[in-house]
Amino acid sequence: DPAAPSTLKVKGLTYYQHAETPGLGGEVDNELWKAKWPGRAIFADDWTVRLEVAKPVSTDAQVDAISGATLTSNGVTNMLKYWLGPNGFGPYVKTVLQKNAASTGEPVVGNLDSQQGDVR
C-alpha cells in the first residue's frame, strides 16, 4: 500500500541551531551520527511515531543514542514525537501521503522543516 505510513523513511536529520555541550550533546552535528538516520522507519501503520533515539538499538526505527548525552538523546526523541505526531506535522504528512498515493500510486518523498529540526 503506497499510502501506508510505514513506507515513509528518514532521508536525514539536521539541526540548524542548538546550544548543546561540544563533544556531548553537540554530537548532533557529527557527520557519523547524522549518517545513522537515512532509511529509518518513521511511523507505524497506525500513524504512531516509531522513530526514536535509543540504546541499544533494536528496531529499524531507532538510532543509536549519543554516549554521555542522555538528555540530548531524549530531547531528540521528544522533538521527533512532537513534530511528527498529531500536534505537529503528523496530520499534514498523512494528508499529503494519502493525496499523493491517490493521484500517483507512489509514496511521498519530501522535506519537513522546522526551526528545531529537519526530517527530510
PDB file of N, CA and C in Angstrom:
ATOM      1  N   ASP A   1       0.843  -1.191   0.000  1.00  0.00           N
ATOM      2  CA  ASP A   1       0.000   0.000   0.000  1.00  0.00           C
ATOM      3  C   ASP A   1       0.883   1.248   0.000  1.00  0.00           C
ATOM      4  N   PRO A   2       0.882   2.014  -1.091  1.00  0.00           N
ATOM      5  CA  PRO A   2       1.742   3.194  -1.167  1.00  0.00           C
ATOM      6  C   PRO A   2       1.369   4.285  -0.166  1.00  0.00           C
ATOM      7  N   ALA A   3       0.151   4.249   0.387  1.00  0.00           N
ATOM      8  CA  ALA A   3      -0.252   5.258   1.367  1.00  0.00           C
ATOM      9  C   ALA A   3      -0.023   4.788   2.799  1.00  0.00           C
ATOM     10  N   ALA A   4       0.607   3.627   2.968  1.00  0.00           N
ATOM     11  CA  ALA A   4       0.870   3.123   4.314  1.00  0.00           C
ATOM     12  C   ALA A   4       1.928   3.995   4.981  1.00  0.00           C
ATOM     13  N   PRO A   5       1.675   4.426   6.216  1.00  0.00           N
ATOM     14  CA  PRO A   5       2.644   5.261   6.917  1.00  0.00           C
ATOM     15  C   PRO A   5       4.005   4.582   7.052  1.00  0.00           C
ATOM     16  N   SER A   6       4.025   3.263   7.111  1.00  0.00           N
ATOM     17  CA  SER A   6       5.286   2.544   7.277  1.00  0.00           C
ATOM     18  C   SER A   6       6.191   2.647   6.054  1.00  0.00           C
ATOM     19  N   THR A   7       5.683   3.201   4.945  1.00  0.00           N
ATOM     20  CA  THR A   7       6.519   3.374   3.757  1.00  0.00           C
ATOM     21  C   THR A   7       7.433   4.592   3.873  1.00  0.00           C
ATOM     22  N   LEU A   8       7.141   5.485   4.816  1.00  0.00           N
ATOM     23  CA  LEU A   8       7.949   6.699   4.960  1.00  0.00           C
ATOM     24  C   LEU A   8       9.238   6.406   5.721  1.00  0.00           C
ATOM     25  N   LYS A   9      10.342   6.838   5.153  1.00  0.00           N
ATOM     26  CA  LYS A   9      11.667   6.623   5.739  1.00  0.00           C
ATOM     27  C   LYS A   9      12.387   7.964   5.871  1.00  0.00           C
ATOM     28  N   VAL A  10      13.286   8.039   6.818  1.00  0.00           N
ATOM     29  CA  VAL A  10      14.078   9.239   7.037  1.00  0.00           C
ATOM     30  C   VAL A  10      15.111   9.371   5.924  1.00  0.00           C
ATOM     31  N   LYS A  11      15.289  10.592   5.433  1.00  0.00           N
ATOM     32  CA  LYS A  11      16.368  10.874   4.479  1.00  0.00           C
ATOM     33  C   LYS A  11      17.544  11.527   5.176  1.00  0.00           C
ATOM     34  N   GLY A  12      17.296  12.210   6.306  1.00  0.00           N
ATOM     35  CA  GLY A  12      18.383  12.846   7.037  1.00  0.00           C
ATOM     36  C   GLY A  12      17.845  13.647   8.208  1.00  0.00           C
ATOM     37  N   LEU A  13      18.736  14.041   9.095  1.00  0.00           N
ATOM     38  CA  LEU A  13      18.373  14.870  10.241  1.00  0.00           C
ATOM     39  C   LEU A  13      19.418  15.965  10.380  1.00  0.00           C
ATOM     40  N   THR A  14      18.964  17.207  10.396  1.00  0.00           N
ATOM     41  CA  THR A  14      19.863  18.350  10.512  1.00  0.00           C
ATOM     42  C   THR A  14      19.310  19.324  11.522  1.00  0.00           C
ATOM     43  N   TYR A  15      20.164  19.796  12.404  1.00  0.00           N
ATOM     44  CA  TYR A  15      19.792  20.866  13.321  1.00  0.00           C
ATOM     45  C   TYR A  15      20.413  22.154  12.825  1.00  0.00           C
ATOM     46  N   TYR A  16      19.589  23.196  12.752  1.00  0.00           N
ATOM     47  CA  TYR A  16      20.065  24.492  12.288  1.00  0.00           C
ATOM     48  C   TYR A  16      20.714  25.272  13.420  1.00  0.00           C
ATOM     49  N   GLN A  17      20.257  25.006  14.633  1.00  0.00           N
ATOM     50  CA  GLN A  17      20.760  25.741  15.781  1.00  0.00           C
ATOM     51  C   GLN A  17      20.539  24.902  17.028  1.00  0.00           C
ATOM     52  N   HIS A  18      21.526  24.897  17.917  1.00  0.00           N
ATOM     53  CA  HIS A  18      21.374  24.225  19.196  1.00  0.00           C
ATOM     54  C   HIS A  18      22.372  24.838  20.167  1.00  0.00           C
ATOM     55  N   ALA A  19      22.178  24.555  21.431  1.00  0.00           N
ATOM     56  CA  ALA A  19      23.071  25.083  22.470  1.00  0.00           C
ATOM     57  C   ALA A  19      23.605  23.930  23.311  1.00  0.00           C
ATOM     58  N   GLU A  20      23.977  22.840  22.637  1.00  0.00           N
ATOM     59  CA  GLU A  20      24.454  21.658  23.332  1.00  0.00           C
ATOM     60  C   GLU A  20      25.943  21.763  23.643  1.00  0.00           C
ATOM     61  N   THR A  21      26.376  21.022  24.635  1.00  0.00           N
ATOM     62  CA  THR A  21      27.779  20.997  25.037  1.00  0.00           C
ATOM     63  C   THR A  21      28.632  20.349  23.945  1.00  0.00           C
ATOM     64  N   PRO A  22      29.665  21.045  23.468  1.00  0.00           N
ATOM     65  CA  PRO A  22      30.538  20.441  22.454  1.00  0.00           C
ATOM     66  C   PRO A  22      31.115  19.113  22.971  1.00  0.00           C
ATOM     67  N   GLY A  23      31.143  18.109  22.096  1.00  0.00           N
ATOM     68  CA  GLY A  23      31.680  16.804  22.468  1.00  0.00           C
ATOM     69  C   GLY A  23      30.669  15.898  23.145  1.00  0.00           C
ATOM     70  N   LEU A  24      29.557  16.449  23.600  1.00  0.00           N
ATOM     71  CA  LEU A  24      28.492  15.622  24.200  1.00  0.00           C
ATOM     72  C   LEU A  24      27.249  15.802  23.345  1.00  0.00           C
ATOM     73  N   GLY A  25      26.307  16.623  23.808  1.00  0.00           N
ATOM     74  CA  GLY A  25      25.094  16.864  23.034  1.00  0.00           C
ATOM     75  C   GLY A  25      25.370  17.503  21.691  1.00  0.00           C
ATOM     76  N   GLY A  26      26.509  18.204  21.594  1.00  0.00           N
ATOM     77  CA  GLY A  26      26.892  18.813  20.329  1.00  0.00           C
ATOM     78  C   GLY A  26      27.145  17.801  19.229  1.00  0.00           C
ATOM     79  N   GLU A  27      27.187  16.530  19.593  1.00  0.00           N
ATOM     80  CA  GLU A  27      27.384  15.459  18.608  1.00  0.00           C
ATOM     81  C   GLU A  27      26.213  15.352  17.633  1.00  0.00           C
ATOM     82  N   VAL A  28      25.119  16.084  17.874  1.00  0.00           N
ATOM     83  CA  VAL A  28      24.020  16.081  16.902  1.00  0.00           C
ATOM     84  C   VAL A  28      24.487  16.616  15.558  1.00  0.00           C
ATOM     85  N   ASP A  29      25.621  17.346  15.547  1.00  0.00           N
ATOM     86  CA  ASP A  29      26.190  17.856  14.292  1.00  0.00           C
ATOM     87  C   ASP A  29      27.253  16.939  13.710  1.00  0.00           C
ATOM     88  N   ASN A  30      27.591  15.875  14.402  1.00  0.00           N
ATOM     89  CA  ASN A  30      28.629  14.950  13.956  1.00  0.00           C
ATOM     90  C   ASN A  30      28.130  14.173  12.738  1.00  0.00           C
ATOM     91  N   GLU A  31      28.897  14.224  11.657  1.00  0.00           N
ATOM     92  CA  GLU A  31      28.500  13.546  10.412  1.00  0.00           C
ATOM     93  C   GLU A  31      28.314  12.035  10.603  1.00  0.00           C
ATOM     94  N   LEU A  32      29.105  11.421  11.482  1.00  0.00           N
ATOM     95  CA  LEU A  32      28.951   9.986  11.724  1.00  0.00           C
ATOM     96  C   LEU A  32      27.601   9.675  12.368  1.00  0.00           C
ATOM     97  N   TRP A  33      27.159  10.521  13.302  1.00  0.00           N
ATOM     98  CA  TRP A  33      25.857  10.302  13.931  1.00  0.00           C
ATOM     99  C   TRP A  33      24.732  10.616  12.952  1.00  0.00           C
ATOM    100  N   LYS A  34      24.879  11.690  12.192  1.00  0.00           N
ATOM    101  CA  LYS A  34      23.861  12.061  11.208  1.00  0.00           C
ATOM    102  C   LYS A  34      23.704  10.986  10.132  1.00  0.00           C
ATOM    103  N   ALA A  35      24.777  10.253   9.850  1.00  0.00           N
ATOM    104  CA  ALA A  35      24.738   9.198   8.828  1.00  0.00           C
ATOM    105  C   ALA A  35      23.919   7.986   9.267  1.00  0.00           C
ATOM    106  N   LYS A  36      23.586   7.916  10.553  1.00  0.00           N
ATOM    107  CA  LYS A  36      22.796   6.784  11.054  1.00  0.00           C
ATOM    108  C   LYS A  36      21.300   6.931  10.787  1.00  0.00           C
ATOM    109  N   TRP A  37      20.850   8.097  10.360  1.00  0.00           N
ATOM    110  CA  TRP A  37      19.424   8.370  10.206  1.00  0.00           C
ATOM    111  C   TRP A  37      18.787   7.885   8.903  1.00  0.00           C
ATOM    112  N   PRO A  38      19.428   8.039   7.752  1.00  0.00           N
ATOM    113  CA  PRO A  38      18.757   7.661   6.499  1.00  0.00           C
ATOM    114  C   PRO A  38      18.259   6.216   6.498  1.00  0.00           C
ATOM    115  N   GLY A  39      17.033   6.060   6.012  1.00  0.00           N
ATOM    116  CA  GLY A  39      16.429   4.736   5.893  1.00  0.00           C
ATOM    117  C   GLY A  39      15.663   4.268   7.112  1.00  0.00           C
ATOM    118  N   ARG A  40      15.698   5.024   8.192  1.00  0.00           N
ATOM    119  CA  ARG A  40      14.974   4.628   9.410  1.00  0.00           C
ATOM    120  C   ARG A  40      13.472   4.811   9.205  1.00  0.00           C
ATOM    121  N   ALA A  41      12.711   3.881   9.756  1.00  0.00           N
ATOM    122  CA  ALA A  41      11.248   3.968   9.692  1.00  0.00           C
ATOM    123  C   ALA A  41      10.772   5.128  10.567  1.00  0.00           C
ATOM    124  N   ILE A  42       9.714   5.797  10.155  1.00  0.00           N
ATOM    125  CA  ILE A  42       9.191   6.940  10.903  1.00  0.00           C
ATOM    126  C   ILE A  42       7.918   6.569  11.649  1.00  0.00           C
ATOM    127  N   PHE A  43       6.964   5.968  10.942  1.00  0.00           N
ATOM    128  CA  PHE A  43       5.644   5.691  11.510  1.00  0.00           C
ATOM    129  C   PHE A  43       5.319   4.202  11.509  1.00  0.00           C
ATOM    130  N   ALA A  44       4.449   3.818  12.436  1.00  0.00           N
ATOM    131  CA  ALA A  44       3.792   2.510  12.382  1.00  0.00           C
ATOM    132  C   ALA A  44       2.581   2.669  11.462  1.00  0.00           C
ATOM    133  N   ASP A  45       1.937   1.576  11.116  1.00  0.00           N
ATOM    134  CA  ASP A  45       0.780   1.666  10.219  1.00  0.00           C
ATOM    135  C   ASP A  45      -0.406   2.418  10.817  1.00  0.00           C
ATOM    136  N   ASP A  46      -0.414   2.625  12.130  1.00  0.00           N
ATOM    137  CA  ASP A  46      -1.498   3.404  12.753  1.00  0.00           C
ATOM    138  C   ASP A  46      -1.111   4.870  12.947  1.00  0.00           C
ATOM    139  N   TRP A  47      -0.029   5.319  12.292  1.00  0.00           N
ATOM    140  CA  TRP A  47       0.495   6.685  12.345  1.00  0.00           C
ATOM    141  C   TRP A  47       1.160   7.035  13.668  1.00  0.00           C
ATOM    142  N   THR A  48       1.423   6.051  14.512  1.00  0.00           N
ATOM    143  CA  THR A  48       2.199   6.290  15.725  1.00  0.00           C
ATOM    144  C   THR A  48       3.644   6.541  15.309  1.00  0.00           C
ATOM    145  N   VAL A  49       4.275   7.554  15.896  1.00  0.00           N
ATOM    146  CA  VAL A  49       5.677   7.832  15.583  1.00  0.00           C
ATOM    147  C   VAL A  49       6.549   6.761  16.227  1.00  0.00           C
ATOM    148  N   ARG A  50       7.259   6.018  15.398  1.00  0.00           N
ATOM    149  CA  ARG A  50       8.171   4.968  15.885  1.00  0.00           C
ATOM    150  C   ARG A  50       9.592   5.484  16.013  1.00  0.00           C
ATOM    151  N   LEU A  51       9.945   6.472  15.223  1.00  0.00           N
ATOM    152  CA  LEU A  51      11.305   6.985  15.154  1.00  0.00           C
ATOM    153  C   LEU A  51      11.763   7.510  16.508  1.00  0.00           C
ATOM    154  N   GLU A  52      12.936   7.045  16.967  1.00  0.00           N
ATOM    155  CA  GLU A  52      13.447   7.478  18.257  1.00  0.00           C
ATOM    156  C   GLU A  52      14.940   7.208  18.365  1.00  0.00           C
ATOM    157  N   VAL A  53      15.539   7.858  19.354  1.00  0.00           N
ATOM    158  CA  VAL A  53      16.932   7.609  19.702  1.00  0.00           C
ATOM    159  C   VAL A  53      16.911   6.619  20.857  1.00  0.00           C
ATOM    160  N   ALA A  54      17.720   5.568  20.787  1.00  0.00           N
ATOM    161  CA  ALA A  54      17.674   4.519  21.811  1.00  0.00           C
ATOM    162  C   ALA A  54      19.054   3.903  22.016  1.00  0.00           C
ATOM    163  N   LYS A  55      19.197   3.267  23.151  1.00  0.00           N
ATOM    164  CA  LYS A  55      20.397   2.483  23.444  1.00  0.00           C
ATOM    165  C   LYS A  55      19.947   1.291  24.261  1.00  0.00           C
ATOM    166  N   PRO A  56      20.094   0.097  23.781  1.00  0.00           N
ATOM    167  CA  PRO A  56      20.623  -0.291  22.479  1.00  0.00           C
ATOM    168  C   PRO A  56      19.554  -0.165  21.389  1.00  0.00           C
ATOM    169  N   VAL A  57      19.987  -0.152  20.154  1.00  0.00           N
ATOM    170  CA  VAL A  57      19.087  -0.108  19.005  1.00  0.00           C
ATOM    171  C   VAL A  57      18.582  -1.524  18.746  1.00  0.00           C
ATOM    172  N   SER A  58      17.256  -1.657  18.606  1.00  0.00           N
ATOM    173  CA  SER A  58      16.699  -2.990  18.362  1.00  0.00           C
ATOM    174  C   SER A  58      15.666  -3.019  17.238  1.00  0.00           C
ATOM    175  N   THR A  59      15.358  -1.859  16.639  1.00  0.00           N
ATOM    176  CA  THR A  59      14.393  -1.834  15.535  1.00  0.00           C
ATOM    177  C   THR A  59      14.906  -0.934  14.417  1.00  0.00           C
ATOM    178  N   ASP A  60      14.227  -0.990  13.261  1.00  0.00           N
ATOM    179  CA  ASP A  60      14.599  -0.152  12.119  1.00  0.00           C
ATOM    180  C   ASP A  60      14.157   1.294  12.294  1.00  0.00           C
ATOM    181  N   ALA A  61      13.517   1.615  13.417  1.00  0.00           N
ATOM    182  CA  ALA A  61      13.063   2.979  13.691  1.00  0.00           C
ATOM    183  C   ALA A  61      13.906   3.649  14.774  1.00  0.00           C
ATOM    184  N   GLN A  62      14.982   3.019  15.167  1.00  0.00           N
ATOM    185  CA  GLN A  62      15.816   3.556  16.239  1.00  0.00           C
ATOM    186  C   GLN A  62      17.203   3.935  15.727  1.00  0.00           C
ATOM    187  N   VAL A  63      17.721   5.033  16.292  1.00  0.00           N
ATOM    188  CA  VAL A  63      19.071   5.500  16.009  1.00  0.00           C
ATOM    189  C   VAL A  63      19.832   5.432  17.318  1.00  0.00           C
ATOM    190  N   ASP A  64      21.083   5.010  17.254  1.00  0.00           N
ATOM    191  CA  ASP A  64      21.916   4.851  18.442  1.00  0.00           C
ATOM    192  C   ASP A  64      22.079   6.174  19.180  1.00  0.00           C
ATOM    193  N   ALA A  65      21.840   6.138  20.499  1.00  0.00           N
ATOM    194  CA  ALA A  65      21.944   7.320  21.347  1.00  0.00           C
ATOM    195  C   ALA A  65      23.376   7.842  21.373  1.00  0.00           C
ATOM    196  N   ILE A  66      23.507   9.112  21.684  1.00  0.00           N
ATOM    197  CA  ILE A  66      24.816   9.750  21.800  1.00  0.00           C
ATOM    198  C   ILE A  66      25.380   9.431  23.178  1.00  0.00           C
ATOM    199  N   SER A  67      26.535   8.789  23.241  1.00  0.00           N
ATOM    200  CA  SER A  67      27.147   8.430  24.517  1.00  0.00           C
ATOM    201  C   SER A  67      27.417   9.672  25.352  1.00  0.00           C
ATOM    202  N   GLY A  68      27.016   9.630  26.633  1.00  0.00           N
ATOM    203  CA  GLY A  68      27.253  10.734  27.544  1.00  0.00           C
ATOM    204  C   GLY A  68      26.299  11.896  27.379  1.00  0.00           C
ATOM    205  N   ALA A  69      25.313  11.758  26.519  1.00  0.00           N
ATOM    206  CA  ALA A  69      24.379  12.859  26.254  1.00  0.00           C
ATOM    207  C   ALA A  69      22.940  12.357  26.329  1.00  0.00           C
ATOM    208  N   THR A  70      22.594  11.781  27.465  1.00  0.00           N
ATOM    209  CA  THR A  70      21.252  11.214  27.642  1.00  0.00           C
ATOM    210  C   THR A  70      20.168  12.269  27.471  1.00  0.00           C
ATOM    211  N   LEU A  71      20.351  13.449  28.046  1.00  0.00           N
ATOM    212  CA  LEU A  71      19.329  14.491  27.929  1.00  0.00           C
ATOM    213  C   LEU A  71      19.134  14.920  26.479  1.00  0.00           C
ATOM    214  N   THR A  72      20.225  15.035  25.738  1.00  0.00           N
ATOM    215  CA  THR A  72      20.123  15.398  24.324  1.00  0.00           C
ATOM    216  C   THR A  72      19.432  14.284  23.542  1.00  0.00           C
ATOM    217  N   SER A  73      19.818  13.033  23.788  1.00  0.00           N
ATOM    218  CA  SER A  73      19.187  11.910  23.095  1.00  0.00           C
ATOM    219  C   SER A  73      17.689  11.870  23.380  1.00  0.00           C
ATOM    220  N   ASN A  74      17.305  12.069  24.635  1.00  0.00           N
ATOM    221  CA  ASN A  74      15.883  12.107  24.989  1.00  0.00           C
ATOM    222  C   ASN A  74      15.200  13.298  24.333  1.00  0.00           C
ATOM    223  N   GLY A  75      15.901  14.428  24.268  1.00  0.00           N
ATOM    224  CA  GLY A  75      15.332  15.620  23.633  1.00  0.00           C
ATOM    225  C   GLY A  75      15.078  15.420  22.151  1.00  0.00           C
ATOM    226  N   VAL A  76      15.990  14.727  21.472  1.00  0.00           N
ATOM    227  CA  VAL A  76      15.801  14.443  20.049  1.00  0.00           C
ATOM    228  C   VAL A  76      14.564  13.562  19.863  1.00  0.00           C
ATOM    229  N   THR A  77      14.429  12.527  20.684  1.00  0.00           N
ATOM    230  CA  THR A  77      13.251  11.664  20.606  1.00  0.00           C
ATOM    231  C   THR A  77      11.980  12.464  20.864  1.00  0.00           C
ATOM    232  N   ASN A  78      11.975  13.298  21.890  1.00  0.00           N
ATOM    233  CA  ASN A  78      10.791  14.113  22.206  1.00  0.00           C
ATOM    234  C   ASN A  78      10.457  15.065  21.070  1.00  0.00           C
ATOM    235  N   MET A  79      11.472  15.655  20.449  1.00  0.00           N
ATOM    236  CA  MET A  79      11.254  16.550  19.313  1.00  0.00           C
ATOM    237  C   MET A  79      10.612  15.795  18.152  1.00  0.00           C
ATOM    238  N   LEU A  80      11.116  14.610  17.861  1.00  0.00           N
ATOM    239  CA  LEU A  80      10.560  13.808  16.770  1.00  0.00           C
ATOM    240  C   LEU A  80       9.118  13.410  17.051  1.00  0.00           C
ATOM    241  N   LYS A  81       8.849  12.952  18.269  1.00  0.00           N
ATOM    242  CA  LYS A  81       7.489  12.526  18.626  1.00  0.00           C
ATOM    243  C   LYS A  81       6.515  13.702  18.524  1.00  0.00           C
ATOM    244  N   TYR A  82       6.972  14.896  18.933  1.00  0.00           N
ATOM    245  CA  TYR A  82       6.090  16.067  18.866  1.00  0.00           C
ATOM    246  C   TYR A  82       5.862  16.498  17.415  1.00  0.00           C
ATOM    247  N   TRP A  83       6.950  16.809  16.693  1.00  0.00           N
ATOM    248  CA  TRP A  83       6.804  17.394  15.360  1.00  0.00           C
ATOM    249  C   TRP A  83       6.234  16.430  14.331  1.00  0.00           C
ATOM    250  N   LEU A  84       6.430  15.134  14.524  1.00  0.00           N
ATOM    251  CA  LEU A  84       5.868  14.166  13.588  1.00  0.00           C
ATOM    252  C   LEU A  84       4.545  13.592  14.077  1.00  0.00           C
ATOM    253  N   GLY A  85       4.142  13.962  15.276  1.00  0.00           N
ATOM    254  CA  GLY A  85       2.913  13.461  15.881  1.00  0.00           C
ATOM    255  C   GLY A  85       1.695  14.312  15.564  1.00  0.00           C
ATOM    256  N   PRO A  86       0.583  14.044  16.248  1.00  0.00           N
ATOM    257  CA  PRO A  86      -0.687  14.697  15.957  1.00  0.00           C
ATOM    258  C   PRO A  86      -0.713  16.192  16.268  1.00  0.00           C
ATOM    259  N   ASN A  87       0.185  16.686  17.103  1.00  0.00           N
ATOM    260  CA  ASN A  87       0.212  18.113  17.418  1.00  0.00           C
ATOM    261  C   ASN A  87       1.224  18.887  16.591  1.00  0.00           C
ATOM    262  N   GLY A  88       1.984  18.185  15.770  1.00  0.00           N
ATOM    263  CA  GLY A  88       2.973  18.814  14.901  1.00  0.00           C
ATOM    264  C   GLY A  88       2.573  18.635  13.448  1.00  0.00           C
ATOM    265  N   PHE A  89       3.492  18.097  12.652  1.00  0.00           N
ATOM    266  CA  PHE A  89       3.255  17.918  11.217  1.00  0.00           C
ATOM    267  C   PHE A  89       2.613  16.591  10.857  1.00  0.00           C
ATOM    268  N   GLY A  90       2.346  15.728  11.830  1.00  0.00           N
ATOM    269  CA  GLY A  90       1.770  14.415  11.550  1.00  0.00           C
ATOM    270  C   GLY A  90       0.526  14.449  10.674  1.00  0.00           C
ATOM    271  N   PRO A  91      -0.492  15.275  11.010  1.00  0.00           N
ATOM    272  CA  PRO A  91      -1.688  15.321  10.163  1.00  0.00           C
ATOM    273  C   PRO A  91      -1.392  15.803   8.739  1.00  0.00           C
ATOM    274  N   TYR A  92      -0.475  16.740   8.606  1.00  0.00           N
ATOM    275  CA  TYR A  92      -0.092  17.231   7.282  1.00  0.00           C
ATOM    276  C   TYR A  92       0.570  16.121   6.469  1.00  0.00           C
ATOM    277  N   VAL A  93       1.502  15.403   7.092  1.00  0.00           N
ATOM    278  CA  VAL A  93       2.191  14.309   6.406  1.00  0.00           C
ATOM    279  C   VAL A  93       1.180  13.263   5.948  1.00  0.00           C
ATOM    280  N   LYS A  94       0.238  12.939   6.816  1.00  0.00           N
ATOM    281  CA  LYS A  94      -0.787  11.950   6.476  1.00  0.00           C
ATOM    282  C   LYS A  94      -1.610  12.406   5.274  1.00  0.00           C
ATOM    283  N   THR A  95      -2.041  13.660   5.271  1.00  0.00           N
ATOM    284  CA  THR A  95      -2.847  14.200   4.173  1.00  0.00           C
ATOM    285  C   THR A  95      -2.071  14.184   2.860  1.00  0.00           C
ATOM    286  N   VAL A  96      -0.829  14.642   2.896  1.00  0.00           N
ATOM    287  CA  VAL A  96      -0.016  14.681   1.678  1.00  0.00           C
ATOM    288  C   VAL A  96       0.250  13.273   1.163  1.00  0.00           C
ATOM    289  N   LEU A  97       0.582  12.353   2.042  1.00  0.00           N
ATOM    290  CA  LEU A  97       0.842  10.974   1.626  1.00  0.00           C
ATOM    291  C   LEU A  97      -0.390  10.366   0.965  1.00  0.00           C
ATOM    292  N   GLN A  98      -1.543  10.559   1.576  1.00  0.00           N
ATOM    293  CA  GLN A  98      -2.769   9.977   1.033  1.00  0.00           C
ATOM    294  C   GLN A  98      -3.158  10.623  -0.295  1.00  0.00           C
ATOM    295  N   LYS A  99      -3.027  11.947  -0.414  1.00  0.00           N
ATOM    296  CA  LYS A  99      -3.349  12.619  -1.674  1.00  0.00           C
ATOM    297  C   LYS A  99      -2.394  12.186  -2.783  1.00  0.00           C
ATOM    298  N   ASN A 100      -1.119  12.112  -2.465  1.00  0.00           N
ATOM    299  CA  ASN A 100      -0.134  11.717  -3.466  1.00  0.00           C
ATOM    300  C   ASN A 100      -0.357  10.278  -3.908  1.00  0.00           C
ATOM    301  N   ALA A 101      -0.623   9.390  -2.958  1.00  0.00           N
ATOM    302  CA  ALA A 101      -0.854   7.987  -3.299  1.00  0.00           C
ATOM    303  C   ALA A 101      -2.110   7.835  -4.143  1.00  0.00           C
ATOM    304  N   ALA A 102      -3.131   8.637  -3.846  1.00  0.00           N
ATOM    305  CA  ALA A 102      -4.378   8.559  -4.604  1.00  0.00           C
ATOM    306  C   ALA A 102      -4.181   9.025  -6.046  1.00  0.00           C
ATOM    307  N   SER A 103      -3.314  10.034  -6.231  1.00  0.00           N
ATOM    308  CA  SER A 103      -3.146  10.570  -7.577  1.00  0.00           C
ATOM    309  C   SER A 103      -2.057   9.873  -8.380  1.00  0.00           C
ATOM    310  N   THR A 104      -1.036   9.323  -7.711  1.00  0.00           N
ATOM    311  CA  THR A 104       0.071   8.737  -8.462  1.00  0.00           C
ATOM    312  C   THR A 104       0.329   7.273  -8.145  1.00  0.00           C
ATOM    313  N   GLY A 105      -0.175   6.807  -7.013  1.00  0.00           N
ATOM    314  CA  GLY A 105       0.110   5.449  -6.598  1.00  0.00           C
ATOM    315  C   GLY A 105       1.495   5.290  -5.999  1.00  0.00           C
ATOM    316  N   GLU A 106       2.204   6.393  -5.832  1.00  0.00           N
ATOM    317  CA  GLU A 106       3.558   6.363  -5.281  1.00  0.00           C
ATOM    318  C   GLU A 106       3.592   7.026  -3.914  1.00  0.00           C
ATOM    319  N   PRO A 107       4.451   6.543  -3.000  1.00  0.00           N
ATOM    320  CA  PRO A 107       4.589   7.207  -1.705  1.00  0.00           C
ATOM    321  C   PRO A 107       5.252   8.572  -1.846  1.00  0.00           C
ATOM    322  N   VAL A 108       5.001   9.439  -0.889  1.00  0.00           N
ATOM    323  CA  VAL A 108       5.559  10.784  -0.878  1.00  0.00           C
ATOM    324  C   VAL A 108       7.015  10.740  -0.458  1.00  0.00           C
ATOM    325  N   VAL A 109       7.829  11.518  -1.130  1.00  0.00           N
ATOM    326  CA  VAL A 109       9.192  11.770  -0.682  1.00  0.00           C
ATOM    327  C   VAL A 109       9.335  13.276  -0.666  1.00  0.00           C
ATOM    328  N   GLY A 110       9.688  13.849   0.475  1.00  0.00           N
ATOM    329  CA  GLY A 110       9.790  15.295   0.553  1.00  0.00           C
ATOM    330  C   GLY A 110      10.470  15.748   1.810  1.00  0.00           C
ATOM    331  N   ASN A 111      10.364  17.022   2.113  1.00  0.00           N
ATOM    332  CA  ASN A 111      11.029  17.616   3.265  1.00  0.00           C
ATOM    333  C   ASN A 111      10.019  18.133   4.271  1.00  0.00           C
ATOM    334  N   LEU A 112      10.353  17.987   5.536  1.00  0.00           N
ATOM    335  CA  LEU A 112       9.578  18.563   6.630  1.00  0.00           C
ATOM    336  C   LEU A 112      10.559  19.391   7.446  1.00  0.00           C
ATOM    337  N   ASP A 113      10.433  20.693   7.397  1.00  0.00           N
ATOM    338  CA  ASP A 113      11.363  21.560   8.106  1.00  0.00           C
ATOM    339  C   ASP A 113      10.687  22.226   9.288  1.00  0.00           C
ATOM    340  N   SER A 114      11.461  22.440  10.334  1.00  0.00           N
ATOM    341  CA  SER A 114      11.034  23.273  11.461  1.00  0.00           C
ATOM    342  C   SER A 114      12.272  23.982  11.963  1.00  0.00           C
ATOM    343  N   GLN A 115      12.090  24.937  12.825  1.00  0.00           N
ATOM    344  CA  GLN A 115      13.231  25.644  13.376  1.00  0.00           C
ATOM    345  C   GLN A 115      14.075  24.717  14.229  1.00  0.00           C
ATOM    346  N   GLN A 116      13.481  23.687  14.798  1.00  0.00           N
ATOM    347  CA  GLN A 116      14.206  22.812  15.701  1.00  0.00           C
ATOM    348  C   GLN A 116      14.894  21.661  14.993  1.00  0.00           C
ATOM    349  N   GLY A 117      14.381  21.235  13.895  1.00  0.00           N
ATOM    350  CA  GLY A 117      14.987  20.093  13.220  1.00  0.00           C
ATOM    351  C   GLY A 117      14.450  19.943  11.824  1.00  0.00           C
ATOM    352  N   ASP A 118      15.017  19.048  11.084  1.00  0.00           N
ATOM    353  CA  ASP A 118      14.642  18.834   9.700  1.00  0.00           C
ATOM    354  C   ASP A 118      14.618  17.336   9.452  1.00  0.00           C
ATOM    355  N   VAL A 119      13.440  16.804   9.272  1.00  0.00           N
ATOM    356  CA  VAL A 119      13.321  15.407   8.881  1.00  0.00           C
ATOM    357  C   VAL A 119      13.002  15.448   7.408  1.00  0.00           C
ATOM    358  N   ARG A 120      13.926  14.974   6.605  1.00  0.00           N
ATOM    359  CA  ARG A 120      13.718  15.107   5.171  1.00  0.00           C
ATOM    360  C   ARG A 120      13.873  13.794   4.474  1.00  0.00           C
TER     361      ARG A 120
END
